[in-house]
Structure formats: C-alpha cells, structure tokens
C-alpha cells in the first residue's frame, strides 16, 4: 500500500489520509510479538488505518494494544472505531484522558464549538470505547510489546494536560505526539502547537527538556514522520515556543484583539518557515501552507497563548 513506510526496527508509518490529505497525520504500527498501534488518526481515517494494519499481516484478533499520545481528535478520534475493528486490543491513554474515550460527548461538544461544520469532514465522530478495555496511565507506565520489548510512557503536558511521550526500548524511538510541535518533512519546518485551553509555556518547555533527557535515538512526529536530528530539533521546538509567546505577549501588551494579534504574529513568524516563503508558490507550496494552518494554525496558537497569559497575568 502506498501509505505505509517501513522505518526499521519493525516500525511502520501509516499515513492516515486525514480528510483525504497525505502527510497530515501518521499512525505507527510496531510489529512486535504483541503488535501495537501508536495513534489512530481520526474517525474518518479508521478504515484506512485498519486496511494498512491488515496489509502488514495483523488480523482482527492480533493487535494487542492501541495507544494514543493524547485525546485530540486528529490523534485519537479513531479509537472507538479501531477498537471495534480489533476487539482483542487494549486501549492505552493517560488517566486524564481515559474518561473521554469511554464517554466522548463532552469532548465532541467542545470540538464542535471550535470547528463547527468542518468537524464532520476533518475528524468525524469519536465513538465510545468500552471502559473495561481502557488502560489509564499515570505519569509513567510501560506497555508490553512482547519478548522483553516495552513502550514506556512519560507524562508530557503543556500542549495538552492528557499528553504522554512514548519510548520504544528496542529502537530508542520517541513518539512525541504534539509536545514538540508540528514538523513538515518536505521543508524541515517546525512550528509549535499551542491550542487552548491547556497550553502552558513552562510546562511545555519542561516536557521538551524531559524528552531530551530521555536520550532518544529518533523522534517520531504524529505530524509528521521520523526525525534523526534529535537534539537540534528539540532545541528548535523550545525556541519556536518562546518566539510565539514573546510575540503574542507583545500584541497583548499593545491591546490588540485576537484578529490583530494573529495577523501580527503570522507576519512576524512567516520568514521562519520555508513552506510559507517560497519564491515560486505552486499548488504544492499552497498545500504545505494549508497543512500548517490545519495542524498548527496561527489563530489556534495565538488563542492558546492568550488564554494562558490571561490566566497567569490577568
């Protein structure tokens, strides 16, 4: 299948084809003795992910575990559907997100307030998962991948209060979710993801420092793909956060409303991203810029930072 990439170490990247796009959200299948899916993608992507898993030889009763880094719909919206397709799999999530997978109505209502009618085309509906199948993680935990291989979880809030990073003991891969931002492999661009309501600067920086301290061999971004330059990339993640916060703080101190703050921050950060500064814009470049706005939109980022600033210094 054209949406599967072998990454070595029995790890396979699956393009979930979110909303029909390529290169937006990745799921990862660890084809160990106890096969494990990291990130499901959206509900509308679930059949794509199911078919990719099946094509790798994992049958309906073979998938042992589904684990999500956090419960935002681009990462976990497909959990209920995937749990239905693979009835023997346990579903693993941080304890602060577990109840929302069992009873998604509140999460879906807040998502609909943000996305409106676009919710159905972008994400679809998160179906409930039987609470008996959900394993709730504390601040650290371990997922058995079989034959002595484990996936250790590390609580990493800042982007979301229910976020974990995951380290594969066999490969040294660190699944970073959204805690290190959004990465575009075509351009090497990295941009923060700071949506409301959970963003907190120091907490987010602490999570990035934790990731560095874990000493991973490789970063696997949910958006999107593998990165080998671990230290440089995590340093860039922290730098991006500080720049966006500094600019948003400046806009707030000048009394700008959200629209003006977004316009100012977008303008001042544009030069940092090749996807937004191509001298010869074409449809591919436009698509990359659209990817950024979908996954790490300037409005969402600035709104999240303002929400935090209003909380810490009203």
Protein backbone atom coordinates (compact mmCIF):
# COMPACT_ATOMS: atom_id res chain seq x y z
CA UNK A 1 0.00 0.00 0.00
CA UNK A 2 1.26 3.46 -0.86
CA UNK A 3 0.50 4.88 2.59
CA UNK A 4 2.87 2.56 4.51
CA UNK A 5 6.57 3.31 5.08
CA UNK A 6 8.94 0.87 6.80
CA UNK A 7 11.10 2.78 9.28
CA UNK A 8 13.25 -0.11 10.53
CA UNK A 9 13.01 -1.92 13.87
CA UNK A 10 9.66 -3.44 12.87
CA UNK A 11 8.11 0.04 12.91
CA UNK A 12 5.79 1.10 10.10
CA UNK A 13 4.50 4.61 9.48
CA UNK A 14 0.90 4.71 8.26
CA UNK A 15 -0.40 7.82 6.53
CA UNK A 16 -3.95 8.05 7.88
CA UNK A 17 -5.01 10.23 4.92
CA UNK A 18 -6.74 12.65 7.30
CA UNK A 19 -9.59 14.41 5.48
CA UNK A 20 -8.20 12.94 2.24
CA UNK A 21 -4.85 14.74 2.54
CA UNK A 22 -1.49 12.99 2.53
CA UNK A 23 1.23 13.76 5.06
CA UNK A 24 -1.06 15.26 7.71
CA UNK A 25 -1.28 12.66 10.49
CA UNK A 26 0.74 9.49 10.97
CA UNK A 27 -0.13 6.37 12.89
CA UNK A 28 2.67 3.94 13.70
CA UNK A 29 2.42 0.16 13.85
CA UNK A 30 5.05 -1.58 15.97
CA UNK A 31 5.08 -5.10 14.55
CA UNK A 32 6.50 -6.74 17.67
CA UNK A 33 5.40 -10.01 19.29
CA UNK A 34 2.48 -8.04 20.72
CA UNK A 35 1.63 -5.66 17.86
CA UNK A 36 0.88 -2.10 18.94
CA UNK A 37 -0.67 0.86 17.11
CA UNK A 38 0.52 4.31 18.24
CA UNK A 39 -2.06 6.99 17.27
CA UNK A 40 -5.24 6.06 15.41
CA UNK A 41 -5.82 9.25 13.46
CA UNK A 42 -9.39 10.47 13.04
CA UNK A 43 -12.61 8.51 12.94
CA UNK A 44 -12.93 9.10 9.20
CA UNK A 45 -9.39 7.69 8.78
CA UNK A 46 -10.09 4.49 10.72
CA UNK A 47 -10.85 2.28 7.68
CA UNK A 48 -7.59 3.45 6.03
CA UNK A 49 -5.63 2.55 9.17
CA UNK A 50 -7.43 -0.79 9.54
CA UNK A 51 -6.60 -1.76 5.97
CA UNK A 52 -2.95 -0.76 6.38
CA UNK A 53 -2.64 -2.86 9.55
CA UNK A 54 -4.28 -5.81 7.79
CA UNK A 55 -1.90 -5.49 4.84
CA UNK A 56 1.00 -5.83 7.30
CA UNK A 57 -0.38 -9.20 8.38
CA UNK A 58 -2.12 -8.21 11.61
CA UNK A 59 -5.56 -9.78 11.79
CA UNK A 60 -8.61 -8.61 13.75
CA UNK A 61 -7.59 -10.53 16.89
CA UNK A 62 -3.82 -9.97 16.55
CA UNK A 63 -3.49 -6.31 17.53
CA UNK A 64 -2.60 -6.29 21.24
CA UNK A 65 -2.56 -2.58 22.04
CA UNK A 66 -3.73 0.79 20.77
CA UNK A 67 -2.03 3.72 22.48
CA UNK A 68 -2.58 7.43 21.91
CA UNK A 69 -0.28 10.27 22.96
CA UNK A 70 -3.35 12.39 23.81
CA UNK A 71 -7.05 12.55 23.05
CA UNK A 72 -7.26 15.36 20.47
CA UNK A 73 -9.34 14.10 17.56
CA UNK A 74 -6.54 14.06 14.98
CA UNK A 75 -4.70 11.57 17.22
CA UNK A 76 -7.45 9.63 18.97
CA UNK A 77 -10.68 10.29 17.07
CA UNK A 78 -10.49 6.81 15.57
CA UNK A 79 -10.00 4.94 18.86
CA UNK A 80 -13.59 3.70 19.14
CA UNK A 81 -13.65 2.52 15.52
CA UNK A 82 -10.23 0.85 15.70
CA UNK A 83 -11.25 -0.83 18.99
CA UNK A 84 -14.26 -2.21 17.11
CA UNK A 85 -12.14 -3.50 14.23
CA UNK A 86 -9.62 -5.12 16.63
CA UNK A 87 -11.70 -6.50 19.51
CA UNK A 88 -8.76 -8.02 21.43
CA UNK A 89 -6.75 -4.80 21.69
CA UNK A 90 -6.39 -2.86 24.91
CA UNK A 91 -6.63 0.93 24.59
CA UNK A 92 -3.95 2.86 26.48
CA UNK A 93 -4.21 6.58 27.32
CA UNK A 94 -3.18 8.95 30.10
CA UNK A 95 -5.56 8.87 33.06
CA UNK A 96 -6.63 12.48 32.40
CA UNK A 97 -8.00 11.43 29.00
CA UNK A 98 -9.43 7.99 29.77
CA UNK A 99 -12.99 9.03 30.67
CA UNK A 100 -13.35 10.97 27.41
CA UNK A 101 -12.62 7.84 25.35
CA UNK A 102 -15.28 5.93 27.29
CA UNK A 103 -17.79 8.80 27.17
CA UNK A 104 -16.85 11.20 24.35
CA UNK A 105 -19.90 13.50 24.37
CA UNK A 106 -18.22 16.38 26.22
CA UNK A 107 -15.09 16.20 24.10
CA UNK A 108 -17.16 16.14 20.91
CA UNK A 109 -19.31 19.08 22.04
CA UNK A 110 -16.25 21.25 22.72
CA UNK A 111 -14.67 20.19 19.41
CA UNK A 112 -17.85 21.17 17.56
CA UNK A 113 -17.74 24.60 19.19
CA UNK A 114 -14.23 25.09 17.77
CA UNK A 115 -14.65 23.51 14.33
CA UNK A 116 -18.36 23.87 13.57
CA UNK A 117 -19.45 22.11 10.39
CA UNK A 118 -15.83 21.37 9.45
CA UNK A 119 -15.71 18.84 12.28
CA UNK A 120 -17.50 16.18 10.23
CA UNK A 121 -15.18 16.39 7.21
CA UNK A 122 -11.94 16.85 9.17
CA UNK A 123 -12.43 14.45 12.06
CA UNK A 124 -15.77 12.65 12.16
CA UNK A 125 -17.28 11.37 15.40
CA UNK A 126 -15.28 9.74 18.22
CA UNK A 127 -17.13 6.54 19.10
CA UNK A 128 -17.10 5.39 22.74
CA UNK A 129 -14.77 2.60 23.85
CA UNK A 130 -15.81 0.03 26.43
CA UNK A 131 -14.27 1.29 29.70
CA UNK A 132 -13.20 -2.27 30.55
CA UNK A 133 -10.76 -2.19 27.61
CA UNK A 134 -9.14 1.13 28.58
CA UNK A 135 -5.83 1.15 30.47
CA UNK A 136 -5.25 4.51 32.17
CA UNK A 137 -1.61 5.54 32.58
CA UNK A 138 -0.18 7.55 35.44
CA UNK A 139 2.80 9.86 35.00
CA UNK A 140 4.91 6.90 33.88
CA UNK A 141 3.97 3.45 32.69
CA UNK A 142 5.02 0.59 30.46
CA UNK A 143 3.26 -1.16 27.60
CA UNK A 144 4.32 -4.74 26.92
CA UNK A 145 5.33 -5.21 23.28
CA UNK A 146 6.35 -8.83 23.87
CA UNK A 147 9.69 -10.63 24.05
CA UNK A 148 11.10 -8.12 26.57
CA UNK A 149 10.35 -5.08 24.41
CA UNK A 150 8.45 -2.24 26.05
CA UNK A 151 6.97 1.11 25.21
CA UNK A 152 7.46 3.37 28.22
CA UNK A 153 5.18 6.36 28.69
CA UNK A 154 6.25 9.72 30.10
CA UNK A 155 3.74 12.37 31.10
CA UNK A 156 4.44 15.44 28.97
CA UNK A 157 1.77 18.14 29.36
CA UNK A 158 1.97 21.70 28.06
CA UNK A 159 0.24 21.09 24.74
CA UNK A 160 -2.50 19.12 26.47
CA UNK A 161 -2.95 18.02 30.07
CA UNK A 162 -3.50 14.40 28.93
CA UNK A 163 -0.33 14.11 26.80
CA UNK A 164 2.34 11.40 27.01
CA UNK A 165 5.54 10.72 25.11
CA UNK A 166 6.38 7.09 24.38
CA UNK A 167 9.84 5.47 24.16
CA UNK A 168 10.44 2.12 22.42
CA UNK A 169 13.06 0.13 24.34
CA UNK A 170 14.20 -1.70 21.19
CA UNK A 171 14.70 1.24 18.84
CA UNK A 172 15.06 4.29 21.09
CA UNK A 173 12.24 5.91 19.12
CA UNK A 174 10.35 8.64 20.98
CA UNK A 175 6.77 9.21 19.87
CA UNK A 176 6.40 12.92 20.56
CA UNK A 177 2.71 13.47 19.77
CA UNK A 178 2.28 17.25 19.61
CA UNK A 179 4.54 18.15 22.54
CA UNK A 180 7.44 19.10 20.26
CA UNK A 181 5.24 20.84 17.69
CA UNK A 182 4.35 20.12 14.08
CA UNK A 183 7.05 19.07 11.61
CA UNK A 184 6.82 19.28 7.82
CA UNK A 185 9.27 16.75 6.34
CA UNK A 186 9.22 18.30 2.85
CA UNK A 187 10.67 21.59 4.12
CA UNK A 188 12.12 20.70 7.53
CA UNK A 189 9.89 23.36 9.08
CA UNK A 190 8.92 23.03 12.74
CA UNK A 191 6.14 25.09 14.28
CA UNK A 192 4.66 24.99 17.78
CA UNK A 193 1.18 23.70 18.59
CA UNK A 194 -0.25 25.79 21.43
CA UNK A 195 -4.05 25.48 21.27
CA UNK A 196 -6.40 26.46 24.09
CA UNK A 197 -7.25 25.58 26.76
CA UNK A 198 -4.28 23.63 28.16
CA UNK A 199 -1.21 25.42 26.79
CA UNK A 200 1.30 26.47 29.45
CA UNK A 201 4.75 27.72 28.44
CA UNK A 202 6.89 26.45 31.31
CA UNK A 203 5.10 23.11 31.38
CA UNK A 204 5.62 22.74 27.63
CA UNK A 205 9.32 23.63 27.93
CA UNK A 206 9.70 21.15 30.79
CA UNK A 207 8.23 18.41 28.59
CA UNK A 208 10.70 19.19 25.80
CA UNK A 209 13.56 19.09 28.36
CA UNK A 210 12.24 15.73 29.58
CA UNK A 211 12.27 14.42 26.01
CA UNK A 212 15.90 15.47 25.64
CA UNK A 213 16.81 13.85 28.96
CA UNK A 214 15.29 10.56 27.80
CA UNK A 215 18.06 10.40 25.18
CA UNK A 216 16.01 9.09 22.26
CA UNK A 217 17.65 7.90 19.05
CA UNK A 218 14.92 9.29 16.83
CA UNK A 219 11.78 11.42 17.10
CA UNK A 220 8.57 10.16 15.52
CA UNK A 221 6.17 13.04 14.93
CA UNK A 222 2.47 12.41 14.62
CA UNK A 223 2.63 15.40 12.24
CA UNK A 224 4.71 14.16 10.50
CA UNK A 225 7.26 11.39 10.33
CA UNK A 226 10.72 10.44 11.65
CA UNK A 227 13.50 12.89 12.53
CA UNK A 228 17.05 11.79 13.37
CA UNK A 229 18.45 15.16 14.47
CA UNK A 230 17.05 14.79 17.98
CA UNK A 231 18.83 17.49 19.98
CA UNK A 232 18.69 20.16 17.28
CA UNK A 233 15.00 19.50 16.69
CA UNK A 234 14.06 19.67 20.38
CA UNK A 235 16.08 22.88 20.77
CA UNK A 236 14.19 24.32 17.82
CA UNK A 237 10.90 23.26 19.44
CA UNK A 238 11.72 25.25 22.57
CA UNK A 239 12.91 28.24 20.54
CA UNK A 240 9.71 28.29 18.50
CA UNK A 241 7.58 28.27 21.65
CA UNK A 242 9.47 31.20 23.12
CA UNK A 243 9.22 33.26 19.92
CA UNK A 244 5.47 32.73 19.53
CA UNK A 245 4.89 33.54 23.21
CA UNK A 246 7.06 36.68 23.08
CA UNK A 247 5.24 37.99 20.01
CA UNK A 248 1.80 37.21 21.41
CA UNK A 249 2.72 38.85 24.72
CA UNK A 250 3.78 41.96 22.79
CA UNK A 251 0.50 42.03 20.86
CA UNK A 252 -1.44 41.69 24.12
CA UNK A 253 0.52 44.48 25.79
CA UNK A 254 -0.35 46.72 22.83
CA UNK A 255 -4.04 46.00 23.38
CA UNK A 256 -4.60 44.08 20.14
CA UNK A 257 -7.69 41.92 19.78
CA UNK A 258 -7.31 38.30 18.64
CA UNK A 259 -7.55 39.03 14.91
CA UNK A 260 -4.89 41.75 15.03
CA UNK A 261 -2.65 39.66 17.29
CA UNK A 262 -2.91 36.70 14.89
CA UNK A 263 -2.10 38.91 11.90
CA UNK A 264 0.94 40.38 13.66
CA UNK A 265 2.31 37.04 14.85
CA UNK A 266 1.69 35.41 11.48
CA UNK A 267 3.55 38.22 9.72
CA UNK A 268 6.49 38.24 12.16
CA UNK A 269 6.98 34.45 12.09
CA UNK A 270 6.39 33.83 8.36
CA UNK A 271 10.08 34.09 7.43
CA UNK A 272 10.88 31.19 9.77
CA UNK A 273 9.04 28.65 7.60
CA UNK A 274 10.04 27.64 4.09
CA UNK A 275 6.52 26.38 3.45
CA UNK A 276 5.26 29.95 3.79
CA UNK A 277 8.07 31.81 1.99
CA UNK A 278 8.52 30.03 -1.32
CA UNK A 279 9.60 32.45 -4.04
CA UNK A 280 7.72 30.41 -6.61
CA UNK A 281 4.46 29.42 -4.94
CA UNK A 282 2.78 26.50 -6.59
CA UNK A 283 0.00 24.15 -5.62
CA UNK A 284 2.36 22.00 -3.55
CA UNK A 285 3.55 25.02 -1.58
CA UNK A 286 -0.04 26.12 -1.04
CA UNK A 287 -0.87 22.65 0.21
CA UNK A 288 2.03 22.77 2.68
CA UNK A 289 0.90 26.15 3.98
CA UNK A 290 -2.61 24.74 4.32
CA UNK A 291 -1.21 21.78 6.30
CA UNK A 292 0.38 24.19 8.76
CA UNK A 293 -2.83 26.12 9.20
CA UNK A 294 -4.83 22.95 9.75
CA UNK A 295 -2.47 21.40 12.31
CA UNK A 296 -0.88 24.41 13.95
CA UNK A 297 -2.99 27.34 12.85
CA UNK A 298 -1.78 30.80 13.79
CA UNK A 299 -5.22 31.61 15.19
CA UNK A 300 -5.32 28.47 17.35
CA UNK A 301 -1.74 29.02 18.55
CA UNK A 302 -2.23 32.68 19.44
CA UNK A 303 -5.59 31.98 21.10
CA UNK A 304 -3.97 29.29 23.25
CA UNK A 305 -1.12 31.56 24.27
CA UNK A 306 -3.51 34.44 25.07
CA UNK A 307 -5.65 32.06 27.14
CA UNK A 308 -2.55 31.13 29.15
CA UNK A 309 -1.38 34.75 29.50
CA UNK A 310 -4.81 35.82 30.75
CA UNK A 311 -4.68 33.03 33.32
CA UNK A 312 -1.18 33.74 34.66
CA UNK A 313 -1.25 37.54 34.47
CA UNK A 314 -4.84 38.79 34.19
